[in-house]
């Protein structure tokens, strides 16, 4: 589905429901609004629906077709979508399902691509005004949009924020803040710093490259598998000891299990081109003007390599390596600046909306997992409609963004959130 610039003129000035993001959750929300007879617009910042998934389209999902589509989606596709145990790639999910849904008559006239929400506020109210009063809900939301024809303003009664998190990757420096020199390297945008799996997949040839890989999640594991077979040298930096790569007993997701197994081999020294730096973080970067290489200073709390002087003592120590490129796949978080003028309460630990975050933290305590993130995604259940409420009436954060820094989100949870929000609006 493509959008000519003239389509931006068709955007209404007012709508009942503004849905931000045309990924899987946004598309399901659009179907739900259409079924309920609620006027809506679906706004997608990319050139076509599900642009975020397209950016890593060659990667295969861990979850099978049977878990990746809602019942509404299957009905919209006339039950012709796959419903098997096969795991689609991102491109297959888009081609065989999401793009077809976006093109259906109930959605296509109301879906506007290349249209990004820049900011959302209340018409005539500041963040500090009408705190907890009914009068706040009487004012429409005012959305500033970037469209192919310039900036526009849209007014809406309800906003469903399904924008995901791929726009705002995390910093990889020690403690989660930028390493010295990281911001400057990111601003140069010369290909030496890669911060998303989509950017990584765009690089076709790693031969002759010395690479610093930072991260331990699934994206970083995917990159490690590729780099181990192509780059000349890989320094793989992990904050922990490789816990994310531990096998899950009886894992029902074979693709995930296979990735863990392959990546774990590199941590265990199966490839001499890969050096694993466990319990290590990045302290600083220095770009060398002569050849464009980057000298990286690492800070490690692992056991110091044994020598005649230290005997392998366990203490913090620094080391350096010189690389051509840095691949930093350390996760991302949703754009919180979007609603900075709204009364949205965020969790102090995860950055997600407070009620849902508190429920997830409590679930982690009950299941014995890490309070923030390590409960397996398959164990996740909907936390109920009330957890989607924020102090800002009518503003709902759904999908991956609603989990903040909790990495256990699953598509089926997002589809349940859409059902839950229908009971609230």
Protein backbone atom coordinates (compact mmCIF):
# COMPACT_ATOMS: atom_id res chain seq x y z
CA UNK A 1 0.00 0.00 0.00
CA UNK A 2 1.50 3.35 -1.06
CA UNK A 3 0.42 6.86 -0.25
CA UNK A 4 0.67 9.86 -2.52
CA UNK A 5 1.28 13.20 -0.81
CA UNK A 6 -2.19 14.38 -1.80
CA UNK A 7 -3.74 11.80 0.53
CA UNK A 8 -2.65 13.90 3.50
CA UNK A 9 -5.35 16.42 2.43
CA UNK A 10 -7.96 13.78 3.17
CA UNK A 11 -7.09 13.71 6.84
CA UNK A 12 -10.08 14.96 8.81
CA UNK A 13 -9.70 17.78 11.30
CA UNK A 14 -11.55 15.77 13.94
CA UNK A 15 -11.97 12.08 14.68
CA UNK A 16 -13.36 9.96 17.47
CA UNK A 17 -10.35 7.64 17.80
CA UNK A 18 -6.80 8.35 16.65
CA UNK A 19 -4.70 5.18 16.40
CA UNK A 20 -0.97 5.86 16.30
CA UNK A 21 1.05 3.16 14.57
CA UNK A 22 -0.10 0.67 11.91
CA UNK A 23 1.79 -2.35 13.20
CA UNK A 24 -0.02 -5.52 14.30
CA UNK A 25 -1.64 -3.94 17.38
CA UNK A 26 -2.62 -0.75 15.59
CA UNK A 27 -4.18 -2.72 12.73
CA UNK A 28 -6.10 -4.91 15.15
CA UNK A 29 -7.31 -1.79 16.97
CA UNK A 30 -8.47 -0.34 13.65
CA UNK A 31 -10.45 -3.49 12.91
CA UNK A 32 -11.99 -3.30 16.38
CA UNK A 33 -13.02 0.33 15.90
CA UNK A 34 -14.49 -0.45 12.49
CA UNK A 35 -16.54 -3.31 13.95
CA UNK A 36 -17.75 -1.06 16.77
CA UNK A 37 -18.75 1.68 14.32
CA UNK A 38 -16.34 4.19 15.87
CA UNK A 39 -14.91 6.80 13.47
CA UNK A 40 -11.11 6.52 13.48
CA UNK A 41 -7.92 7.31 11.66
CA UNK A 42 -4.86 5.05 11.59
CA UNK A 43 -1.57 6.95 11.39
CA UNK A 44 1.67 5.27 10.30
CA UNK A 45 5.00 7.09 10.21
CA UNK A 46 6.50 4.69 7.65
CA UNK A 47 5.96 4.54 3.92
CA UNK A 48 3.63 1.56 4.33
CA UNK A 49 1.84 -0.24 7.16
CA UNK A 50 3.95 -2.24 9.61
CA UNK A 51 7.10 -0.38 8.54
CA UNK A 52 8.75 -1.26 11.84
CA UNK A 53 8.43 -4.98 11.15
CA UNK A 54 9.57 -4.46 7.56
CA UNK A 55 12.81 -2.98 8.88
CA UNK A 56 13.81 -6.44 10.16
CA UNK A 57 11.76 -8.39 7.65
CA UNK A 58 14.38 -11.07 6.94
CA UNK A 59 14.39 -12.21 10.59
CA UNK A 60 12.18 -15.15 11.53
CA UNK A 61 9.82 -14.77 14.47
CA UNK A 62 10.02 -17.23 17.36
CA UNK A 63 6.25 -17.52 17.54
CA UNK A 64 4.24 -19.50 14.95
CA UNK A 65 1.49 -18.20 12.70
CA UNK A 66 -1.10 -19.58 15.11
CA UNK A 67 0.04 -17.05 17.74
CA UNK A 68 0.67 -13.99 15.58
CA UNK A 69 -2.81 -13.01 14.40
CA UNK A 70 -5.95 -12.10 16.33
CA UNK A 71 -9.34 -13.59 15.66
CA UNK A 72 -10.43 -10.26 14.17
CA UNK A 73 -7.51 -10.40 11.75
CA UNK A 74 -8.35 -13.93 10.66
CA UNK A 75 -11.94 -12.94 10.02
CA UNK A 76 -10.82 -9.89 8.03
CA UNK A 77 -8.64 -12.20 5.94
CA UNK A 78 -11.59 -14.55 5.42
CA UNK A 79 -9.68 -17.21 7.37
CA UNK A 80 -7.17 -17.51 4.50
CA UNK A 81 -4.14 -16.61 6.60
CA UNK A 82 -1.76 -19.38 7.65
CA UNK A 83 -2.62 -21.04 10.95
CA UNK A 84 0.27 -23.42 11.37
CA UNK A 85 3.18 -24.08 13.68
CA UNK A 86 5.56 -22.57 11.12
CA UNK A 87 7.26 -19.34 12.19
CA UNK A 88 7.03 -16.56 9.59
CA UNK A 89 9.68 -13.98 8.85
CA UNK A 90 8.74 -10.36 9.37
CA UNK A 91 8.29 -9.94 5.61
CA UNK A 92 6.04 -13.00 5.42
CA UNK A 93 3.90 -11.70 8.26
CA UNK A 94 3.50 -8.41 6.39
CA UNK A 95 2.96 -9.86 2.91
CA UNK A 96 0.57 -12.62 3.87
CA UNK A 97 -1.39 -10.83 6.59
CA UNK A 98 -0.70 -7.28 7.76
CA UNK A 99 -0.60 -5.53 4.37
CA UNK A 100 -3.74 -7.36 3.28
CA UNK A 101 -5.52 -6.22 6.44
CA UNK A 102 -4.40 -2.62 5.87
CA UNK A 103 -5.82 -2.81 2.33
CA UNK A 104 -9.26 -4.08 3.33
CA UNK A 105 -12.18 -1.67 2.74
CA UNK A 106 -12.75 -1.04 6.45
CA UNK A 107 -9.17 0.15 6.98
CA UNK A 108 -7.61 1.47 3.76
CA UNK A 109 -9.58 4.78 3.48
CA UNK A 110 -8.63 5.65 7.06
CA UNK A 111 -4.99 4.58 7.02
CA UNK A 112 -2.49 7.39 6.39
CA UNK A 113 1.14 6.45 5.85
CA UNK A 114 4.11 8.81 6.09
CA UNK A 115 2.10 10.54 8.81
CA UNK A 116 3.78 10.69 12.18
CA UNK A 117 2.44 12.03 15.46
CA UNK A 118 5.01 14.47 16.82
CA UNK A 119 3.22 15.49 20.01
CA UNK A 120 -0.09 14.97 21.77
CA UNK A 121 -1.69 17.42 24.21
CA UNK A 122 -5.08 18.55 25.49
CA UNK A 123 -6.66 21.41 23.59
CA UNK A 124 -6.18 24.51 25.71
CA UNK A 125 -4.74 22.71 28.75
CA UNK A 126 -1.24 22.26 30.10
CA UNK A 127 0.02 19.15 31.85
CA UNK A 128 -0.33 20.75 35.30
CA UNK A 129 -3.93 21.91 34.82
CA UNK A 130 -7.21 20.18 35.76
CA UNK A 131 -5.48 17.39 37.63
CA UNK A 132 -7.90 14.54 38.22
CA UNK A 133 -10.98 16.54 37.28
CA UNK A 134 -13.79 15.65 34.88
CA UNK A 135 -13.17 18.91 33.04
CA UNK A 136 -9.90 17.57 31.64
CA UNK A 137 -11.74 14.79 29.79
CA UNK A 138 -14.07 17.36 28.23
CA UNK A 139 -11.21 18.79 26.16
CA UNK A 140 -10.24 17.07 22.92
CA UNK A 141 -6.76 15.75 22.32
CA UNK A 142 -4.70 17.94 20.02
CA UNK A 143 -2.20 16.02 17.89
CA UNK A 144 0.57 17.65 15.90
CA UNK A 145 1.28 15.51 12.83
CA UNK A 146 4.07 15.45 10.28
CA UNK A 147 2.50 14.58 6.92
CA UNK A 148 3.79 14.47 3.33
CA UNK A 149 2.32 17.96 2.92
CA UNK A 150 3.80 19.44 6.07
CA UNK A 151 2.56 19.72 9.64
CA UNK A 152 -1.12 19.31 10.46
CA UNK A 153 -3.23 19.37 13.60
CA UNK A 154 -5.77 16.64 14.34
CA UNK A 155 -8.34 16.66 17.16
CA UNK A 156 -9.50 13.38 18.71
CA UNK A 157 -11.66 12.20 21.58
CA UNK A 158 -9.57 9.08 22.26
CA UNK A 159 -5.95 8.23 21.42
CA UNK A 160 -4.57 4.69 21.19
CA UNK A 161 -0.78 4.89 21.25
CA UNK A 162 0.46 1.77 19.43
CA UNK A 163 3.73 3.33 18.25
CA UNK A 164 6.02 0.57 19.51
CA UNK A 165 9.63 1.20 20.48
CA UNK A 166 11.86 0.77 17.43
CA UNK A 167 12.35 4.54 16.95
CA UNK A 168 14.31 5.08 20.17
CA UNK A 169 17.17 2.61 20.79
CA UNK A 170 18.83 2.62 24.20
CA UNK A 171 22.33 3.88 24.85
CA UNK A 172 24.95 1.19 25.44
CA UNK A 173 27.33 2.93 27.85
CA UNK A 174 27.99 1.82 31.42
CA UNK A 175 24.84 2.21 33.54
CA UNK A 176 22.62 2.76 30.49
CA UNK A 177 23.77 6.32 29.79
CA UNK A 178 25.86 7.18 26.72
CA UNK A 179 29.48 6.13 26.85
CA UNK A 180 31.89 9.02 26.42
CA UNK A 181 32.01 9.59 22.66
CA UNK A 182 28.85 7.56 21.89
CA UNK A 183 26.58 10.56 21.23
CA UNK A 184 29.10 12.10 18.84
CA UNK A 185 29.46 8.84 16.92
CA UNK A 186 25.65 8.52 16.68
CA UNK A 187 25.36 12.08 15.36
CA UNK A 188 27.93 11.43 12.62
CA UNK A 189 25.64 8.78 11.11
CA UNK A 190 28.42 7.39 8.90
CA UNK A 191 27.58 3.71 9.28
CA UNK A 192 30.18 2.97 11.93
CA UNK A 193 27.54 2.77 14.69
CA UNK A 194 24.57 0.45 14.14
CA UNK A 195 21.78 0.66 16.71
CA UNK A 196 18.93 -1.47 15.34
CA UNK A 197 18.61 -4.95 13.88
CA UNK A 198 17.16 -3.34 10.74
CA UNK A 199 20.33 -1.30 10.19
CA UNK A 200 22.41 -4.41 10.83
CA UNK A 201 20.56 -6.38 8.17
CA UNK A 202 21.22 -3.66 5.60
CA UNK A 203 24.96 -4.42 5.74
CA UNK A 204 25.67 -7.15 3.18
CA UNK A 205 29.39 -7.68 3.63
CA UNK A 206 31.29 -7.90 6.92
CA UNK A 207 34.51 -9.30 5.51
CA UNK A 208 37.62 -7.51 6.72
CA UNK A 209 35.68 -5.88 9.56
CA UNK A 210 36.58 -5.78 13.22
CA UNK A 211 33.32 -5.40 15.12
CA UNK A 212 32.28 -4.57 18.66
CA UNK A 213 28.92 -6.23 19.38
CA UNK A 214 27.08 -5.01 22.47
CA UNK A 215 24.00 -6.76 23.87
CA UNK A 216 22.73 -10.17 24.90
CA UNK A 217 19.12 -10.28 23.73
CA UNK A 218 17.69 -12.03 20.70
CA UNK A 219 18.71 -9.29 18.27
CA UNK A 220 22.29 -9.38 19.54
CA UNK A 221 22.31 -13.18 19.35
CA UNK A 222 21.10 -13.01 15.75
CA UNK A 223 23.88 -10.56 14.94
CA UNK A 224 26.46 -12.76 16.69
CA UNK A 225 25.54 -15.74 14.51
CA UNK A 226 25.96 -13.66 11.36
CA UNK A 227 29.17 -11.92 12.41
CA UNK A 228 30.87 -15.10 13.61
CA UNK A 229 30.78 -16.45 10.08
CA UNK A 230 31.73 -13.27 8.21
CA UNK A 231 33.63 -10.63 10.22
CA UNK A 232 37.38 -10.92 10.78
CA UNK A 233 37.14 -10.22 14.49
CA UNK A 234 34.21 -9.83 16.90
CA UNK A 235 34.39 -8.50 20.45
CA UNK A 236 31.06 -9.43 22.06
CA UNK A 237 30.29 -7.36 25.16
CA UNK A 238 27.66 -8.64 27.62
CA UNK A 239 26.63 -6.90 30.83
CA UNK A 240 25.96 -10.24 32.51
CA UNK A 241 27.40 -13.70 32.32
CA UNK A 242 25.25 -14.83 29.39
CA UNK A 243 22.10 -15.60 31.35
CA UNK A 244 19.93 -14.57 28.39
CA UNK A 245 21.42 -17.41 26.38
CA UNK A 246 20.61 -20.10 28.91
CA UNK A 247 18.52 -22.94 27.49
CA UNK A 248 14.85 -23.00 28.52
CA UNK A 249 13.95 -26.52 29.54
CA UNK A 250 11.29 -27.90 27.21
CA UNK A 251 11.18 -24.63 25.25
CA UNK A 252 8.01 -24.75 23.10
CA UNK A 253 9.56 -22.26 20.66
CA UNK A 254 12.16 -24.24 18.68
CA UNK A 255 13.43 -21.22 16.75
CA UNK A 256 14.28 -19.47 20.00
CA UNK A 257 15.93 -22.59 21.37
CA UNK A 258 18.03 -23.02 18.22
CA UNK A 259 19.22 -19.40 18.34
CA UNK A 260 20.22 -19.72 22.00
CA UNK A 261 22.19 -22.87 21.22
CA UNK A 262 24.10 -21.36 18.29
CA UNK A 263 24.90 -18.11 20.08
CA UNK A 264 25.93 -19.92 23.25
CA UNK A 265 28.65 -21.77 21.34
CA UNK A 266 30.40 -18.47 20.64
CA UNK A 267 30.39 -17.58 24.33
CA UNK A 268 31.96 -20.95 25.03
CA UNK A 269 34.82 -20.33 22.58
CA UNK A 270 33.64 -22.37 19.60
CA UNK A 271 34.80 -19.66 17.18
CA UNK A 272 38.27 -18.20 17.64
CA UNK A 273 37.22 -15.03 15.80
CA UNK A 274 34.76 -14.20 18.60
CA UNK A 275 35.98 -12.93 21.97
CA UNK A 276 33.26 -12.81 24.61
CA UNK A 277 33.60 -10.11 27.29
CA UNK A 278 31.22 -11.18 30.05
CA UNK A 279 30.22 -8.90 32.93
CA UNK A 280 31.56 -6.01 30.90
CA UNK A 281 30.31 -2.61 29.77
CA UNK A 282 31.52 0.15 27.48
CA UNK A 283 33.21 3.07 29.22
CA UNK A 284 34.30 5.29 26.32
CA UNK A 285 34.91 5.53 22.57
CA UNK A 286 37.58 7.40 20.67
CA UNK A 287 37.43 7.83 16.90
CA UNK A 288 40.82 7.68 15.19
CA UNK A 289 41.01 10.30 12.47
CA UNK A 290 43.72 8.56 10.44
CA UNK A 291 41.78 5.44 9.47
CA UNK A 292 38.29 5.91 10.93
CA UNK A 293 38.75 3.08 13.43
CA UNK A 294 37.32 3.31 16.94
CA UNK A 295 39.25 2.61 20.11
CA UNK A 296 36.86 1.28 22.77
CA UNK A 297 37.60 1.25 26.47
CA UNK A 298 35.80 -1.57 28.28
CA UNK A 299 35.08 -1.86 31.98
CA UNK A 300 34.91 -5.40 33.27
CA UNK A 301 33.98 -6.89 36.62
CA UNK A 302 34.79 -10.44 35.52
CA UNK A 303 37.79 -12.34 36.81
CA UNK A 304 40.93 -10.65 35.55
CA UNK A 305 42.94 -12.90 33.20
CA UNK A 306 45.55 -14.64 35.29
CA UNK A 307 49.10 -13.34 35.18
CA UNK A 308 52.24 -13.62 37.25
CA UNK A 309 51.18 -10.44 39.06
CA UNK A 310 47.50 -10.91 39.90
CA UNK A 311 46.78 -14.63 39.85
CA UNK A 312 43.40 -14.05 38.21
CA UNK A 313 41.91 -11.86 40.94
CA UNK A 314 38.22 -10.88 40.64
CA UNK A 315 38.06 -7.10 40.50
CA UNK A 316 37.07 -4.33 38.11
CA UNK A 317 39.63 -3.64 35.44
CA UNK A 318 39.81 -1.87 32.10
CA UNK A 319 40.86 -3.09 28.70
CA UNK A 320 40.81 -1.67 25.19
CA UNK A 321 40.09 -2.93 21.69
CA UNK A 322 40.14 -1.24 18.31
CA UNK A 323 37.31 -1.89 15.83
CA UNK A 324 35.95 -0.59 12.54
CA UNK A 325 32.28 -0.74 13.48
CA UNK A 326 30.06 -1.00 16.55
CA UNK A 327 26.81 -2.98 16.56
CA UNK A 328 24.87 -1.97 19.68
CA UNK A 329 21.68 -4.01 20.06
CA UNK A 330 20.71 -3.23 23.63
CA UNK A 331 16.97 -2.78 23.24
CA UNK A 332 14.79 0.27 22.88
CA UNK A 333 11.92 2.04 24.58
CA UNK A 334 8.88 3.85 23.24
CA UNK A 335 8.91 7.57 22.52
CA UNK A 336 7.94 9.05 25.87
CA UNK A 337 8.30 12.61 24.57
CA UNK A 338 5.15 12.08 22.51
CA UNK A 339 2.95 12.52 25.59
CA UNK A 340 5.13 14.81 27.71
CA UNK A 341 2.27 17.35 28.01
CA UNK A 342 -0.22 14.69 29.15
CA UNK A 343 -0.81 13.33 32.64
CA UNK A 344 0.66 9.90 31.97
CA UNK A 345 2.25 8.33 35.04
CA UNK A 346 5.30 6.23 34.23
CA UNK A 347 6.83 3.44 36.27
CA UNK A 348 10.05 4.44 38.04
CA UNK A 349 11.67 1.13 37.02
CA UNK A 350 10.38 0.16 33.58
CA UNK A 351 9.14 3.43 32.08
CA UNK A 352 5.81 1.80 31.18
CA UNK A 353 2.44 3.20 32.28
CA UNK A 354 2.28 2.81 36.04
CA UNK A 355 -0.76 0.60 36.56
CA UNK A 356 0.28 -1.99 34.00
CA UNK A 357 3.90 -1.87 35.12
CA UNK A 358 2.88 -2.49 38.74
CA UNK A 359 0.78 -5.47 37.69
CA UNK A 360 3.68 -6.91 35.70
CA UNK A 361 6.10 -6.36 38.56
CA UNK A 362 3.71 -8.18 40.85
CA UNK A 363 3.40 -11.02 38.35
CA UNK A 364 7.19 -11.31 38.31
CA UNK A 365 7.22 -11.65 42.09
CA UNK A 366 4.55 -14.36 42.04
CA UNK A 367 6.32 -16.40 39.35
CA UNK A 368 9.77 -16.03 40.86
CA UNK A 369 11.23 -14.22 37.85
CA UNK A 370 13.10 -10.96 37.59
CA UNK A 371 10.62 -8.31 38.69
CA UNK A 372 11.27 -6.24 35.62
CA UNK A 373 11.66 -8.46 32.64
CA UNK A 374 12.69 -12.07 32.87
CA UNK A 375 9.34 -13.82 33.11
CA UNK A 376 9.13 -15.82 29.89
CA UNK A 377 6.89 -14.20 27.30
CA UNK A 378 4.76 -17.33 26.92
CA UNK A 379 3.80 -17.08 30.59
CA UNK A 380 2.34 -13.58 30.11
CA UNK A 381 -1.41 -13.06 30.48
CA UNK A 382 -3.54 -9.96 30.14
CA UNK A 383 -3.52 -7.90 33.31
CA UNK A 384 -7.07 -6.61 32.81
CA UNK A 385 -8.69 -3.42 31.44
CA UNK A 386 -8.10 -1.35 34.58
CA UNK A 387 -4.32 -1.63 34.17
CA UNK A 388 -4.55 0.26 30.86
CA UNK A 389 -5.98 3.36 32.54
CA UNK A 390 -3.68 6.34 33.07
CA UNK A 391 -4.40 9.62 34.89
CA UNK A 392 -4.97 11.07 31.40
CA UNK A 393 -8.53 10.03 30.49
CA UNK A 394 -8.89 8.64 26.99
CA UNK A 395 -5.17 8.09 26.34
CA UNK A 396 -4.16 4.43 26.16
CA UNK A 397 -0.74 2.96 25.52
CA UNK A 398 -1.02 -0.47 23.90
CA UNK A 399 1.34 -3.06 22.48
CA UNK A 400 5.08 -3.32 22.97
CA UNK A 401 5.34 0.29 24.15
CA UNK A 402 3.03 -0.45 27.08
CA UNK A 403 5.61 -2.83 28.55
CA UNK A 404 8.34 -0.16 28.72
CA UNK A 405 11.65 -1.86 29.50
CA UNK A 406 9.96 -5.16 30.26
CA UNK A 407 10.93 -7.42 27.34
CA UNK A 408 8.30 -10.12 27.81
CA UNK A 409 5.64 -8.63 25.50
CA UNK A 410 3.87 -10.98 23.10
CA UNK A 411 1.55 -10.05 20.22
CA UNK A 412 -1.36 -11.97 21.68
CA UNK A 413 -1.16 -9.75 24.78
CA UNK A 414 -1.51 -6.70 22.58
CA UNK A 415 -4.59 -8.14 20.91
CA UNK A 416 -6.12 -8.77 24.33
CA UNK A 417 -5.33 -5.17 25.26
CA UNK A 418 -7.41 -4.05 22.28
CA UNK A 419 -10.33 -6.12 23.58
CA UNK A 420 -9.80 -4.64 27.04
CA UNK A 421 -9.73 -1.05 25.83
CA UNK A 422 -13.06 -1.56 24.05
CA UNK A 423 -14.65 -1.96 27.47
CA UNK A 424 -13.25 1.40 28.58
CA UNK A 425 -14.13 3.77 25.74
